[in-house]
Protein backbone atom coordinates (compact mmCIF):
# COMPACT_ATOMS: atom_id res chain seq x y z
CA MET A 1 183.04 8.71 186.39
CA VAL A 2 179.97 6.54 186.72
CA ALA A 3 178.83 7.78 190.11
CA GLY A 4 180.24 4.81 191.95
CA GLY A 5 178.72 1.99 189.96
CA LEU A 6 177.05 0.78 186.83
CA HIS A 7 174.27 -1.16 188.53
CA GLU A 8 171.82 1.66 189.27
CA PRO A 9 171.24 3.48 185.96
CA LEU A 10 168.63 2.07 183.62
CA LEU A 11 170.94 2.52 180.65
CA THR A 12 174.68 3.12 180.41
CA VAL A 13 176.13 4.06 177.04
CA ALA A 14 179.34 5.63 175.78
CA TRP A 15 180.55 7.26 172.61
CA PRO A 16 183.35 5.49 170.69
CA GLY A 17 185.92 8.09 171.77
CA ALA A 18 185.22 7.60 175.48
CA HIS A 19 187.96 6.27 177.71
CA LEU A 20 186.85 4.54 180.88
CA GLY A 21 189.11 3.95 183.80
CA PRO A 22 189.57 4.47 187.52
CA MET A 23 191.30 7.87 187.21
CA GLY A 24 193.67 9.62 184.84
CA LEU A 25 195.46 6.76 183.14
CA GLU A 26 199.00 8.03 183.68
CA GLY A 27 198.25 8.63 187.35
CA ALA A 28 196.78 5.14 187.65
CA VAL A 29 199.91 3.63 186.08
CA ARG A 30 202.21 5.60 188.39
CA LEU A 31 200.18 4.67 191.46
CA ALA A 32 199.55 1.00 190.69
CA LEU A 33 203.08 0.27 189.49
CA ARG A 34 205.08 2.58 191.72
CA LYS A 35 207.19 -0.25 193.11
CA GLU A 36 208.11 -1.55 189.64
CA LEU A 37 208.75 1.99 188.40
CA GLY A 38 210.83 2.81 191.48
CA GLU A 39 213.18 -0.06 190.65
CA ILE A 40 214.08 1.54 187.29
CA GLU A 41 217.12 3.69 188.01
CA GLY A 42 217.30 5.99 185.01
CA GLU A 43 214.76 8.83 184.86
CA ASP A 44 214.50 8.57 181.06
CA GLU A 45 214.01 4.79 181.21
CA ARG A 46 211.39 5.13 183.95
CA GLU A 47 209.44 7.78 181.99
CA ALA A 48 209.64 5.65 178.83
CA ARG A 49 208.15 2.75 180.79
CA VAL A 50 205.38 5.02 182.13
CA ARG A 51 204.56 6.11 178.57
CA GLU A 52 204.52 2.48 177.40
CA LEU A 53 202.26 1.33 180.24
CA THR A 54 199.98 4.37 179.86
CA ALA A 55 199.58 3.63 176.13
CA ALA A 56 198.59 0.04 176.97
CA ALA A 57 196.11 1.29 179.60
CA ARG A 58 194.68 3.79 177.07
CA GLU A 59 194.12 0.95 174.59
CA ASN A 60 192.33 -1.13 177.24
CA ALA A 61 190.24 1.84 178.38
CA GLN A 62 188.70 2.53 174.96
CA ALA A 63 184.92 2.41 175.04
CA LEU A 64 184.60 -0.71 172.87
CA ASN A 65 187.06 -2.63 175.04
CA ALA A 66 185.53 -1.34 178.25
CA ALA A 67 182.06 -2.36 177.04
CA GLN A 68 183.27 -5.95 176.80
CA LEU A 69 184.71 -5.94 180.31
CA PHE A 70 182.42 -3.64 182.26
CA GLU A 71 178.71 -3.09 182.24
CA ILE A 72 178.27 -0.55 179.48
CA ASP A 73 175.11 -1.42 177.61
CA ASP A 74 176.26 -0.05 174.27
CA VAL A 75 178.76 2.12 172.47
CA ILE A 76 176.72 4.47 170.32
CA ASP A 77 177.30 6.87 167.45
CA PRO A 78 177.18 10.39 168.94
CA ALA A 79 174.65 11.34 166.24
CA GLU A 80 172.21 8.81 167.78
CA THR A 81 172.40 10.29 171.30
CA ARG A 82 169.32 12.51 171.16
CA GLY A 83 167.11 9.75 169.76
CA LEU A 84 168.36 7.23 172.32
CA ILE A 85 167.71 9.62 175.19
CA ALA A 86 164.19 10.32 173.90
CA ALA A 87 163.45 6.60 173.46
CA THR A 88 164.78 5.83 176.94
CA PHE A 89 162.61 8.55 178.50
CA ALA A 90 159.59 7.19 176.63
CA ALA A 91 160.31 3.68 177.89
CA ALA A 92 160.79 4.95 181.44
CA GLY A 93 157.32 6.48 181.38
CA SER A 94 155.91 2.98 181.77
CA MET A 95 158.07 2.16 184.81
CA PRO A 96 156.18 2.21 188.10
CA LEU A 97 157.21 4.95 190.52
CA GLY A 98 158.69 4.06 193.86
CA THR A 99 160.39 0.87 192.70
CA GLY A 100 163.24 1.22 195.16
CA SER A 101 166.41 3.23 194.92
CA ARG A 102 166.91 2.74 191.19
CA ARG A 103 167.36 6.08 189.50
CA PHE A 104 166.37 6.59 185.89
CA VAL A 105 168.78 9.42 185.17
CA ASP A 106 172.16 9.55 186.85
CA THR A 107 172.49 13.12 188.03
CA TRP A 108 176.18 13.24 188.79
């Protein structure tokens, strides 16, 4: 979850293993394609289609793919996380206070 949007945080990053999407991917597939899935008569065939569509959604939701489509600033190596956070805090120290509703750290 990104607390409702990617416009407020100063920096939005993800690790390579992150999956970004609206909800659990299988649930999203079942909800978004319920009409198509409902037209498949066999239970086994319907579940096979759900697995196929969920796999495609999982591929699209990978951090590197999501970074191209959404507003993720970077996909970082987890080993670089501490340094990036420290550098971002240091850079934020020069930001003027009271510059509107923009939050530096998303507290969700």
